[in-house]
Amino acid sequence: IYLIRHGITEANLEGKYIGLTDSYLSPVGIEEIFDKKEKLYYPPVQK
């Protein structure tokens, strides 16, 4: 089992704790996920 934390949101960039507030990833967060995915090895998963 792999545990991966979500990417960065706008609130994260502003230093805010958002808890259960439902927000989308920031463009920086999305870019960072794909960058990490390209540089790190994520094995194939079934679920």
ModelCIF file with pLDDT and N, C-alpha, C, O atoms, coordinates in Angstrom:
data_MODEL
#
_entry.id   MODEL 
#
_entity.id                         1 
_entity.type                       polymer 
_entity.pdbx_number_of_molecules   1 
#
_entity_poly.entity_id                      1 
_entity_poly.type                           'polypeptide(L)' 
_entity_poly.nstd_linkage                   no 
_entity_poly.nstd_monomer                   no 
_entity_poly.pdbx_seq_one_letter_code       IYLIRHGITEANLEGKYIGLTDSYLSPVGIEEIFDKKEKLYYPPVQK 
_entity_poly.pdbx_seq_one_letter_code_can   IYLIRHGITEANLEGKYIGLTDSYLSPVGIEEIFDKKEKLYYPPVQK 
_entity_poly.pdbx_strand_id                 A 
#
loop_
_entity_poly_seq.entity_id 
_entity_poly_seq.num 
_entity_poly_seq.mon_id 
_entity_poly_seq.hetero 
1 1  ILE n 
1 2  TYR n 
1 3  LEU n 
1 4  ILE n 
1 5  ARG n 
1 6  HIS n 
1 7  GLY n 
1 8  ILE n 
1 9  THR n 
1 10 GLU n 
1 11 ALA n 
1 12 ASN n 
1 13 LEU n 
1 14 GLU n 
1 15 GLY n 
1 16 LYS n 
1 17 TYR n 
1 18 ILE n 
1 19 GLY n 
1 20 LEU n 
1 21 THR n 
1 22 ASP n 
1 23 SER n 
1 24 TYR n 
1 25 LEU n 
1 26 SER n 
1 27 PRO n 
1 28 VAL n 
1 29 GLY n 
1 30 ILE n 
1 31 GLU n 
1 32 GLU n 
1 33 ILE n 
1 34 PHE n 
1 35 ASP n 
1 36 LYS n 
1 37 LYS n 
1 38 GLU n 
1 39 LYS n 
1 40 LEU n 
1 41 TYR n 
1 42 TYR n 
1 43 PRO n 
1 44 PRO n 
1 45 VAL n 
1 46 GLN n 
1 47 LYS n 
#
_struct_asym.id          A 
_struct_asym.entity_id   1 
#
loop_
_ma_qa_metric.id 
_ma_qa_metric.mode 
_ma_qa_metric.name 
_ma_qa_metric.software_group_id 
_ma_qa_metric.type 
1 global pLDDT . pLDDT 
2 local  pLDDT . pLDDT 
#
_ma_qa_metric_global.metric_id      1 
_ma_qa_metric_global.metric_value   87.09 
_ma_qa_metric_global.model_id       1 
_ma_qa_metric_global.ordinal_id     1 
#
loop_
_ma_qa_metric_local.label_asym_id 
_ma_qa_metric_local.label_comp_id 
_ma_qa_metric_local.label_seq_id 
_ma_qa_metric_local.metric_id 
_ma_qa_metric_local.metric_value 
_ma_qa_metric_local.model_id 
_ma_qa_metric_local.ordinal_id 
A ILE 1  2 88.00 1 1  
A TYR 2  2 87.00 1 2  
A LEU 3  2 90.00 1 3  
A ILE 4  2 88.00 1 4  
A ARG 5  2 90.00 1 5  
A HIS 6  2 91.00 1 6  
A GLY 7  2 90.00 1 7  
A ILE 8  2 93.00 1 8  
A THR 9  2 93.00 1 9  
A GLU 10 2 90.00 1 10 
A ALA 11 2 90.00 1 11 
A ASN 12 2 89.00 1 12 
A LEU 13 2 89.00 1 13 
A GLU 14 2 89.00 1 14 
A GLY 15 2 89.00 1 15 
A LYS 16 2 87.00 1 16 
A TYR 17 2 85.00 1 17 
A ILE 18 2 84.00 1 18 
A GLY 19 2 84.00 1 19 
A LEU 20 2 85.00 1 20 
A THR 21 2 85.00 1 21 
A ASP 22 2 88.00 1 22 
A SER 23 2 89.00 1 23 
A TYR 24 2 92.00 1 24 
A LEU 25 2 94.00 1 25 
A SER 26 2 95.00 1 26 
A PRO 27 2 95.00 1 27 
A VAL 28 2 94.00 1 28 
A GLY 29 2 94.00 1 29 
A ILE 30 2 94.00 1 30 
A GLU 31 2 93.00 1 31 
A GLU 32 2 90.00 1 32 
A ILE 33 2 89.00 1 33 
A PHE 34 2 89.00 1 34 
A ASP 35 2 89.00 1 35 
A LYS 36 2 86.00 1 36 
A LYS 37 2 85.00 1 37 
A GLU 38 2 84.00 1 38 
A LYS 39 2 85.00 1 39 
A LEU 40 2 78.00 1 40 
A TYR 41 2 68.00 1 41 
A TYR 42 2 73.00 1 42 
A PRO 43 2 74.00 1 43 
A PRO 44 2 74.00 1 44 
A VAL 45 2 78.00 1 45 
A GLN 46 2 81.00 1 46 
A LYS 47 2 86.00 1 47 
#
loop_
_atom_site.group_PDB 
_atom_site.id 
_atom_site.type_symbol 
_atom_site.label_atom_id 
_atom_site.label_alt_id 
_atom_site.label_comp_id 
_atom_site.label_asym_id 
_atom_site.label_entity_id 
_atom_site.label_seq_id 
_atom_site.pdbx_PDB_ins_code 
_atom_site.Cartn_x 
_atom_site.Cartn_y 
_atom_site.Cartn_z 
_atom_site.occupancy 
_atom_site.B_iso_or_equiv 
_atom_site.pdbx_formal_charge 
_atom_site.auth_seq_id 
_atom_site.auth_comp_id 
_atom_site.auth_asym_id 
_atom_site.auth_atom_id 
_atom_site.pdbx_PDB_model_num 
ATOM 1   N N  . ILE A 1 1  ? 0.854   -1.188 0.000   1.00 88.00 ? 1  ILE A N  1 
ATOM 2   C CA . ILE A 1 1  ? 0.000   0.000  0.000   1.00 88.00 ? 1  ILE A CA 1 
ATOM 3   C C  . ILE A 1 1  ? 0.888   1.235  0.000   1.00 88.00 ? 1  ILE A C  1 
ATOM 4   O O  . ILE A 1 1  ? 1.798   1.356  0.819   1.00 88.00 ? 1  ILE A O  1 
ATOM 5   N N  . TYR A 1 2  ? 0.617   2.148  -0.922  1.00 87.00 ? 2  TYR A N  1 
ATOM 6   C CA . TYR A 1 2  ? 1.357   3.407  -1.016  1.00 87.00 ? 2  TYR A CA 1 
ATOM 7   C C  . TYR A 1 2  ? 0.459   4.531  -0.533  1.00 87.00 ? 2  TYR A C  1 
ATOM 8   O O  . TYR A 1 2  ? -0.689  4.634  -0.967  1.00 87.00 ? 2  TYR A O  1 
ATOM 9   N N  . LEU A 1 3  ? 0.956   5.366  0.350   1.00 90.00 ? 3  LEU A N  1 
ATOM 10  C CA . LEU A 1 3  ? 0.215   6.530  0.831   1.00 90.00 ? 3  LEU A CA 1 
ATOM 11  C C  . LEU A 1 3  ? 0.858   7.770  0.237   1.00 90.00 ? 3  LEU A C  1 
ATOM 12  O O  . LEU A 1 3  ? 2.045   8.025  0.444   1.00 90.00 ? 3  LEU A O  1 
ATOM 13  N N  . ILE A 1 4  ? 0.077   8.531  -0.495  1.00 88.00 ? 4  ILE A N  1 
ATOM 14  C CA . ILE A 1 4  ? 0.584   9.726  -1.168  1.00 88.00 ? 4  ILE A CA 1 
ATOM 15  C C  . ILE A 1 4  ? -0.294  10.906 -0.774  1.00 88.00 ? 4  ILE A C  1 
ATOM 16  O O  . ILE A 1 4  ? -1.520  10.838 -0.863  1.00 88.00 ? 4  ILE A O  1 
ATOM 17  N N  . ARG A 1 5  ? 0.340   11.979 -0.342  1.00 90.00 ? 5  ARG A N  1 
ATOM 18  C CA . ARG A 1 5  ? -0.408  13.178 0.052   1.00 90.00 ? 5  ARG A CA 1 
ATOM 19  C C  . ARG A 1 5  ? -0.828  13.948 -1.202  1.00 90.00 ? 5  ARG A C  1 
ATOM 20  O O  . ARG A 1 5  ? -0.152  13.900 -2.230  1.00 90.00 ? 5  ARG A O  1 
ATOM 21  N N  . HIS A 1 6  ? -1.936  14.644 -1.100  1.00 91.00 ? 6  HIS A N  1 
ATOM 22  C CA . HIS A 1 6  ? -2.432  15.442 -2.230  1.00 91.00 ? 6  HIS A CA 1 
ATOM 23  C C  . HIS A 1 6  ? -1.441  16.544 -2.590  1.00 91.00 ? 6  HIS A C  1 
ATOM 24  O O  . HIS A 1 6  ? -0.560  16.889 -1.804  1.00 91.00 ? 6  HIS A O  1 
ATOM 25  N N  . GLY A 1 7  ? -1.605  17.087 -3.793  1.00 90.00 ? 7  GLY A N  1 
ATOM 26  C CA . GLY A 1 7  ? -0.755  18.184 -4.245  1.00 90.00 ? 7  GLY A CA 1 
ATOM 27  C C  . GLY A 1 7  ? -1.122  19.500 -3.571  1.00 90.00 ? 7  GLY A C  1 
ATOM 28  O O  . GLY A 1 7  ? -2.043  19.563 -2.757  1.00 90.00 ? 7  GLY A O  1 
ATOM 29  N N  . ILE A 1 8  ? -0.398  20.531 -3.919  1.00 93.00 ? 8  ILE A N  1 
ATOM 30  C CA . ILE A 1 8  ? -0.548  21.851 -3.295  1.00 93.00 ? 8  ILE A CA 1 
ATOM 31  C C  . ILE A 1 8  ? -1.794  22.574 -3.817  1.00 93.00 ? 8  ILE A C  1 
ATOM 32  O O  . ILE A 1 8  ? -2.063  22.585 -5.018  1.00 93.00 ? 8  ILE A O  1 
ATOM 33  N N  . THR A 1 9  ? -2.542  23.173 -2.897  1.00 93.00 ? 9  THR A N  1 
ATOM 34  C CA . THR A 1 9  ? -3.709  23.984 -3.249  1.00 93.00 ? 9  THR A CA 1 
ATOM 35  C C  . THR A 1 9  ? -3.324  25.462 -3.131  1.00 93.00 ? 9  THR A C  1 
ATOM 36  O O  . THR A 1 9  ? -2.253  25.794 -2.621  1.00 93.00 ? 9  THR A O  1 
ATOM 37  N N  . GLU A 1 10 ? -4.203  26.337 -3.605  1.00 90.00 ? 10 GLU A N  1 
ATOM 38  C CA . GLU A 1 10 ? -3.955  27.778 -3.468  1.00 90.00 ? 10 GLU A CA 1 
ATOM 39  C C  . GLU A 1 10 ? -3.845  28.155 -1.991  1.00 90.00 ? 10 GLU A C  1 
ATOM 40  O O  . GLU A 1 10 ? -3.002  28.969 -1.613  1.00 90.00 ? 10 GLU A O  1 
ATOM 41  N N  . ALA A 1 11 ? -4.692  27.567 -1.169  1.00 90.00 ? 11 ALA A N  1 
ATOM 42  C CA . ALA A 1 11 ? -4.655  27.865 0.270   1.00 90.00 ? 11 ALA A CA 1 
ATOM 43  C C  . ALA A 1 11 ? -3.322  27.445 0.878   1.00 90.00 ? 11 ALA A C  1 
ATOM 44  O O  . ALA A 1 11 ? -2.782  28.146 1.734   1.00 90.00 ? 11 ALA A O  1 
ATOM 45  N N  . ASN A 1 12 ? -2.785  26.299 0.440   1.00 89.00 ? 12 ASN A N  1 
ATOM 46  C CA . ASN A 1 12 ? -1.471  25.858 0.926   1.00 89.00 ? 12 ASN A CA 1 
ATOM 47  C C  . ASN A 1 12 ? -0.407  26.894 0.580   1.00 89.00 ? 12 ASN A C  1 
ATOM 48  O O  . ASN A 1 12 ? 0.458   27.202 1.401   1.00 89.00 ? 12 ASN A O  1 
ATOM 49  N N  . LEU A 1 13 ? -0.472  27.424 -0.624  1.00 89.00 ? 13 LEU A N  1 
ATOM 50  C CA . LEU A 1 13 ? 0.505   28.425 -1.053  1.00 89.00 ? 13 LEU A CA 1 
ATOM 51  C C  . LEU A 1 13 ? 0.402   29.702 -0.229  1.00 89.00 ? 13 LEU A C  1 
ATOM 52  O O  . LEU A 1 13 ? 1.395   30.405 -0.043  1.00 89.00 ? 13 LEU A O  1 
ATOM 53  N N  . GLU A 1 14 ? -0.806  30.006 0.270   1.00 89.00 ? 14 GLU A N  1 
ATOM 54  C CA . GLU A 1 14 ? -1.030  31.192 1.098   1.00 89.00 ? 14 GLU A CA 1 
ATOM 55  C C  . GLU A 1 14 ? -0.747  30.918 2.578   1.00 89.00 ? 14 GLU A C  1 
ATOM 56  O O  . GLU A 1 14 ? -0.897  31.809 3.415   1.00 89.00 ? 14 GLU A O  1 
ATOM 57  N N  . GLY A 1 15 ? -0.337  29.680 2.901   1.00 89.00 ? 15 GLY A N  1 
ATOM 58  C CA . GLY A 1 15 ? -0.020  29.331 4.277   1.00 89.00 ? 15 GLY A CA 1 
ATOM 59  C C  . GLY A 1 15 ? -1.240  29.075 5.141   1.00 89.00 ? 15 GLY A C  1 
ATOM 60  O O  . GLY A 1 15 ? -1.153  29.132 6.368   1.00 89.00 ? 15 GLY A O  1 
ATOM 61  N N  . LYS A 1 16 ? -2.375  28.793 4.518   1.00 87.00 ? 16 LYS A N  1 
ATOM 62  C CA . LYS A 1 16 ? -3.608  28.561 5.258   1.00 87.00 ? 16 LYS A CA 1 
ATOM 63  C C  . LYS A 1 16 ? -3.831  27.072 5.483   1.00 87.00 ? 16 LYS A C  1 
ATOM 64  O O  . LYS A 1 16 ? -3.516  26.248 4.624   1.00 87.00 ? 16 LYS A O  1 
ATOM 65  N N  . TYR A 1 17 ? -4.374  26.740 6.640   1.00 85.00 ? 17 TYR A N  1 
ATOM 66  C CA . TYR A 1 17 ? -4.801  25.384 6.925   1.00 85.00 ? 17 TYR A CA 1 
ATOM 67  C C  . TYR A 1 17 ? -6.260  25.287 6.508   1.00 85.00 ? 17 TYR A C  1 
ATOM 68  O O  . TYR A 1 17 ? -7.088  26.050 7.005   1.00 85.00 ? 17 TYR A O  1 
ATOM 69  N N  . ILE A 1 18 ? -6.596  24.367 5.610   1.00 84.00 ? 18 ILE A N  1 
ATOM 70  C CA . ILE A 1 18 ? -7.959  24.321 5.091   1.00 84.00 ? 18 ILE A CA 1 
ATOM 71  C C  . ILE A 1 18 ? -8.765  23.127 5.599   1.00 84.00 ? 18 ILE A C  1 
ATOM 72  O O  . ILE A 1 18 ? -9.973  23.061 5.372   1.00 84.00 ? 18 ILE A O  1 
ATOM 73  N N  . GLY A 1 19 ? -8.124  22.193 6.276   1.00 84.00 ? 19 GLY A N  1 
ATOM 74  C CA . GLY A 1 19 ? -8.847  21.072 6.857   1.00 84.00 ? 19 GLY A CA 1 
ATOM 75  C C  . GLY A 1 19 ? -9.735  20.354 5.867   1.00 84.00 ? 19 GLY A C  1 
ATOM 76  O O  . GLY A 1 19 ? -9.255  19.852 4.851   1.00 84.00 ? 19 GLY A O  1 
ATOM 77  N N  . LEU A 1 20 ? -11.038 20.300 6.152   1.00 85.00 ? 20 LEU A N  1 
ATOM 78  C CA . LEU A 1 20 ? -11.975 19.604 5.271   1.00 85.00 ? 20 LEU A CA 1 
ATOM 79  C C  . LEU A 1 20 ? -12.578 20.502 4.197   1.00 85.00 ? 20 LEU A C  1 
ATOM 80  O O  . LEU A 1 20 ? -13.452 20.066 3.447   1.00 85.00 ? 20 LEU A O  1 
ATOM 81  N N  . THR A 1 21 ? -12.119 21.758 4.114   1.00 85.00 ? 21 THR A N  1 
ATOM 82  C CA . THR A 1 21 ? -12.600 22.647 3.061   1.00 85.00 ? 21 THR A CA 1 
ATOM 83  C C  . THR A 1 21 ? -12.253 22.017 1.719   1.00 85.00 ? 21 THR A C  1 
ATOM 84  O O  . THR A 1 21 ? -11.112 21.614 1.494   1.00 85.00 ? 21 THR A O  1 
ATOM 85  N N  . ASP A 1 22 ? -13.230 21.932 0.837   1.00 88.00 ? 22 ASP A N  1 
ATOM 86  C CA . ASP A 1 22 ? -13.028 21.263 -0.448  1.00 88.00 ? 22 ASP A CA 1 
ATOM 87  C C  . ASP A 1 22 ? -12.481 22.256 -1.472  1.00 88.00 ? 22 ASP A C  1 
ATOM 88  O O  . ASP A 1 22 ? -13.200 23.155 -1.909  1.00 88.00 ? 22 ASP A O  1 
ATOM 89  N N  . SER A 1 23 ? -11.241 22.103 -1.847  1.00 89.00 ? 23 SER A N  1 
ATOM 90  C CA . SER A 1 23 ? -10.635 23.002 -2.826  1.00 89.00 ? 23 SER A CA 1 
ATOM 91  C C  . SER A 1 23 ? -9.841  22.210 -3.850  1.00 89.00 ? 23 SER A C  1 
ATOM 92  O O  . SER A 1 23 ? -9.418  21.082 -3.601  1.00 89.00 ? 23 SER A O  1 
ATOM 93  N N  . TYR A 1 24 ? -9.651  22.824 -4.999  1.00 92.00 ? 24 TYR A N  1 
ATOM 94  C CA . TYR A 1 24 ? -8.903  22.193 -6.086  1.00 92.00 ? 24 TYR A CA 1 
ATOM 95  C C  . TYR A 1 24 ? -7.407  22.418 -5.907  1.00 92.00 ? 24 TYR A C  1 
ATOM 96  O O  . TYR A 1 24 ? -6.977  23.277 -5.138  1.00 92.00 ? 24 TYR A O  1 
ATOM 97  N N  . LEU A 1 25 ? -6.633  21.630 -6.629  1.00 94.00 ? 25 LEU A N  1 
ATOM 98  C CA . LEU A 1 25 ? -5.191  21.841 -6.657  1.00 94.00 ? 25 LEU A CA 1 
ATOM 99  C C  . LEU A 1 25 ? -4.882  23.137 -7.387  1.00 94.00 ? 25 LEU A C  1 
ATOM 100 O O  . LEU A 1 25 ? -5.640  23.564 -8.258  1.00 94.00 ? 25 LEU A O  1 
ATOM 101 N N  . SER A 1 26 ? -3.781  23.755 -7.035  1.00 95.00 ? 26 SER A N  1 
ATOM 102 C CA . SER A 1 26 ? -3.324  24.937 -7.764  1.00 95.00 ? 26 SER A CA 1 
ATOM 103 C C  . SER A 1 26 ? -2.577  24.462 -9.014  1.00 95.00 ? 26 SER A C  1 
ATOM 104 O O  . SER A 1 26 ? -2.163  23.305 -9.077  1.00 95.00 ? 26 SER A O  1 
ATOM 105 N N  . PRO A 1 27 ? -2.401  25.337 -10.008 1.00 95.00 ? 27 PRO A N  1 
ATOM 106 C CA . PRO A 1 27 ? -1.599  24.958 -11.172 1.00 95.00 ? 27 PRO A CA 1 
ATOM 107 C C  . PRO A 1 27 ? -0.189  24.506 -10.759 1.00 95.00 ? 27 PRO A C  1 
ATOM 108 O O  . PRO A 1 27 ? 0.380   23.595 -11.362 1.00 95.00 ? 27 PRO A O  1 
ATOM 109 N N  . VAL A 1 28 ? 0.360   25.149 -9.735  1.00 94.00 ? 28 VAL A N  1 
ATOM 110 C CA . VAL A 1 28 ? 1.681   24.758 -9.222  1.00 94.00 ? 28 VAL A CA 1 
ATOM 111 C C  . VAL A 1 28 ? 1.618   23.332 -8.675  1.00 94.00 ? 28 VAL A C  1 
ATOM 112 O O  . VAL A 1 28 ? 2.531   22.538 -8.902  1.00 94.00 ? 28 VAL A O  1 
ATOM 113 N N  . GLY A 1 29 ? 0.556   23.011 -7.965  1.00 94.00 ? 29 GLY A N  1 
ATOM 114 C CA . GLY A 1 29 ? 0.383   21.678 -7.403  1.00 94.00 ? 29 GLY A CA 1 
ATOM 115 C C  . GLY A 1 29 ? 0.292   20.603 -8.471  1.00 94.00 ? 29 GLY A C  1 
ATOM 116 O O  . GLY A 1 29 ? 0.890   19.535 -8.340  1.00 94.00 ? 29 GLY A O  1 
ATOM 117 N N  . ILE A 1 30 ? -0.456  20.885 -9.529  1.00 94.00 ? 30 ILE A N  1 
ATOM 118 C CA . ILE A 1 30 ? -0.596  19.931 -10.634 1.00 94.00 ? 30 ILE A CA 1 
ATOM 119 C C  . ILE A 1 30 ? 0.740   19.728 -11.324 1.00 94.00 ? 30 ILE A C  1 
ATOM 120 O O  . ILE A 1 30 ? 1.138   18.596 -11.599 1.00 94.00 ? 30 ILE A O  1 
ATOM 121 N N  . GLU A 1 31 ? 1.434   20.824 -11.603 1.00 93.00 ? 31 GLU A N  1 
ATOM 122 C CA . GLU A 1 31 ? 2.748   20.737 -12.256 1.00 93.00 ? 31 GLU A CA 1 
ATOM 123 C C  . GLU A 1 31 ? 3.723   19.929 -11.399 1.00 93.00 ? 31 GLU A C  1 
ATOM 124 O O  . GLU A 1 31 ? 4.487   19.114 -11.916 1.00 93.00 ? 31 GLU A O  1 
ATOM 125 N N  . GLU A 1 32 ? 3.688   20.162 -10.099 1.00 90.00 ? 32 GLU A N  1 
ATOM 126 C CA . GLU A 1 32 ? 4.595   19.464 -9.185  1.00 90.00 ? 32 GLU A CA 1 
ATOM 127 C C  . GLU A 1 32 ? 4.313   17.961 -9.161  1.00 90.00 ? 32 GLU A C  1 
ATOM 128 O O  . GLU A 1 32 ? 5.245   17.159 -9.101  1.00 90.00 ? 32 GLU A O  1 
ATOM 129 N N  . ILE A 1 33 ? 3.052   17.579 -9.206  1.00 89.00 ? 33 ILE A N  1 
ATOM 130 C CA . ILE A 1 33 ? 2.701   16.155 -9.219  1.00 89.00 ? 33 ILE A CA 1 
ATOM 131 C C  . ILE A 1 33 ? 3.280   15.480 -10.458 1.00 89.00 ? 33 ILE A C  1 
ATOM 132 O O  . ILE A 1 33 ? 3.904   14.423 -10.362 1.00 89.00 ? 33 ILE A O  1 
ATOM 133 N N  . PHE A 1 34 ? 3.070   16.098 -11.624 1.00 89.00 ? 34 PHE A N  1 
ATOM 134 C CA . PHE A 1 34 ? 3.590   15.495 -12.851 1.00 89.00 ? 34 PHE A CA 1 
ATOM 135 C C  . PHE A 1 34 ? 5.113   15.490 -12.873 1.00 89.00 ? 34 PHE A C  1 
ATOM 136 O O  . PHE A 1 34 ? 5.723   14.557 -13.396 1.00 89.00 ? 34 PHE A O  1 
ATOM 137 N N  . ASP A 1 35 ? 5.727   16.518 -12.312 1.00 89.00 ? 35 ASP A N  1 
ATOM 138 C CA . ASP A 1 35 ? 7.194   16.563 -12.229 1.00 89.00 ? 35 ASP A CA 1 
ATOM 139 C C  . ASP A 1 35 ? 7.707   15.420 -11.358 1.00 89.00 ? 35 ASP A C  1 
ATOM 140 O O  . ASP A 1 35 ? 8.642   14.714 -11.736 1.00 89.00 ? 35 ASP A O  1 
ATOM 141 N N  . LYS A 1 36 ? 7.094   15.244 -10.196 1.00 86.00 ? 36 LYS A N  1 
ATOM 142 C CA . LYS A 1 36 ? 7.498   14.158 -9.302  1.00 86.00 ? 36 LYS A CA 1 
ATOM 143 C C  . LYS A 1 36 ? 7.217   12.799 -9.925  1.00 86.00 ? 36 LYS A C  1 
ATOM 144 O O  . LYS A 1 36 ? 7.995   11.860 -9.757  1.00 86.00 ? 36 LYS A O  1 
ATOM 145 N N  . LYS A 1 37 ? 6.111   12.696 -10.640 1.00 85.00 ? 37 LYS A N  1 
ATOM 146 C CA . LYS A 1 37 ? 5.768   11.438 -11.284 1.00 85.00 ? 37 LYS A CA 1 
ATOM 147 C C  . LYS A 1 37 ? 6.827   11.075 -12.329 1.00 85.00 ? 37 LYS A C  1 
ATOM 148 O O  . LYS A 1 37 ? 7.192   9.910  -12.482 1.00 85.00 ? 37 LYS A O  1 
ATOM 149 N N  . GLU A 1 38 ? 7.311   12.095 -13.042 1.00 84.00 ? 38 GLU A N  1 
ATOM 150 C CA . GLU A 1 38 ? 8.324   11.872 -14.074 1.00 84.00 ? 38 GLU A CA 1 
ATOM 151 C C  . GLU A 1 38 ? 9.671   11.476 -13.460 1.00 84.00 ? 38 GLU A C  1 
ATOM 152 O O  . GLU A 1 38 ? 10.378  10.634 -14.014 1.00 84.00 ? 38 GLU A O  1 
ATOM 153 N N  . LYS A 1 39 ? 10.026  12.073 -12.328 1.00 85.00 ? 39 LYS A N  1 
ATOM 154 C CA . LYS A 1 39 ? 11.338  11.847 -11.711 1.00 85.00 ? 39 LYS A CA 1 
ATOM 155 C C  . LYS A 1 39 ? 11.377  10.633 -10.788 1.00 85.00 ? 39 LYS A C  1 
ATOM 156 O O  . LYS A 1 39 ? 12.432  10.023 -10.615 1.00 85.00 ? 39 LYS A O  1 
ATOM 157 N N  . LEU A 1 40 ? 10.247  10.277 -10.198 1.00 78.00 ? 40 LEU A N  1 
ATOM 158 C CA . LEU A 1 40 ? 10.193  9.160  -9.258  1.00 78.00 ? 40 LEU A CA 1 
ATOM 159 C C  . LEU A 1 40 ? 9.534   7.961  -9.912  1.00 78.00 ? 40 LEU A C  1 
ATOM 160 O O  . LEU A 1 40 ? 8.830   8.086  -10.915 1.00 78.00 ? 40 LEU A O  1 
ATOM 161 N N  . TYR A 1 41 ? 9.766   6.836  -9.345  1.00 68.00 ? 41 TYR A N  1 
ATOM 162 C CA . TYR A 1 41 ? 9.149   5.624  -9.861  1.00 68.00 ? 41 TYR A CA 1 
ATOM 163 C C  . TYR A 1 41 ? 7.868   5.327  -9.102  1.00 68.00 ? 41 TYR A C  1 
ATOM 164 O O  . TYR A 1 41 ? 7.895   5.050  -7.903  1.00 68.00 ? 41 TYR A O  1 
ATOM 165 N N  . TYR A 1 42 ? 6.762   5.386  -9.799  1.00 73.00 ? 42 TYR A N  1 
ATOM 166 C CA . TYR A 1 42 ? 5.485   4.979  -9.230  1.00 73.00 ? 42 TYR A CA 1 
ATOM 167 C C  . TYR A 1 42 ? 5.117   3.656  -9.903  1.00 73.00 ? 42 TYR A C  1 
ATOM 168 O O  . TYR A 1 42 ? 4.842   3.633  -11.103 1.00 73.00 ? 42 TYR A O  1 
ATOM 169 N N  . PRO A 1 43 ? 5.108   2.573  -9.161  1.00 74.00 ? 43 PRO A N  1 
ATOM 170 C CA . PRO A 1 43 ? 4.803   1.273  -9.769  1.00 74.00 ? 43 PRO A CA 1 
ATOM 171 C C  . PRO A 1 43 ? 3.356   1.198  -10.236 1.00 74.00 ? 43 PRO A C  1 
ATOM 172 O O  . PRO A 1 43 ? 2.498   1.927  -9.740  1.00 74.00 ? 43 PRO A O  1 
ATOM 173 N N  . PRO A 1 44 ? 3.092   0.321  -11.185 1.00 74.00 ? 44 PRO A N  1 
ATOM 174 C CA . PRO A 1 44 ? 1.705   0.151  -11.628 1.00 74.00 ? 44 PRO A CA 1 
ATOM 175 C C  . PRO A 1 44 ? 0.841   -0.342 -10.461 1.00 74.00 ? 44 PRO A C  1 
ATOM 176 O O  . PRO A 1 44 ? 1.297   -1.120 -9.623  1.00 74.00 ? 44 PRO A O  1 
ATOM 177 N N  . VAL A 1 45 ? -0.372  0.108  -10.425 1.00 78.00 ? 45 VAL A N  1 
ATOM 178 C CA . VAL A 1 45 ? -1.282  -0.287 -9.351  1.00 78.00 ? 45 VAL A CA 1 
ATOM 179 C C  . VAL A 1 45 ? -2.564  -0.858 -9.944  1.00 78.00 ? 45 VAL A C  1 
ATOM 180 O O  . VAL A 1 45 ? -2.913  -0.585 -11.092 1.00 78.00 ? 45 VAL A O  1 
ATOM 181 N N  . GLN A 1 46 ? -3.246  -1.645 -9.145  1.00 81.00 ? 46 GLN A N  1 
ATOM 182 C CA . GLN A 1 46 ? -4.511  -2.231 -9.585  1.00 81.00 ? 46 GLN A CA 1 
ATOM 183 C C  . GLN A 1 46 ? -5.700  -1.368 -9.172  1.00 81.00 ? 46 GLN A C  1 
ATOM 184 O O  . GLN A 1 46 ? -6.711  -1.321 -9.872  1.00 81.00 ? 46 GLN A O  1 
ATOM 185 N N  . LYS A 1 47 ? -5.578  -0.697 -8.054  1.00 86.00 ? 47 LYS A N  1 
ATOM 186 C CA . LYS A 1 47 ? -6.672  0.125  -7.537  1.00 86.00 ? 47 LYS A CA 1 
ATOM 187 C C  . LYS A 1 47 ? -6.124  1.394  -6.914  1.00 86.00 ? 47 LYS A C  1 
ATOM 188 O O  . LYS A 1 47 ? -6.891  2.221  -6.420  1.00 86.00 ? 47 LYS A O  1 
#
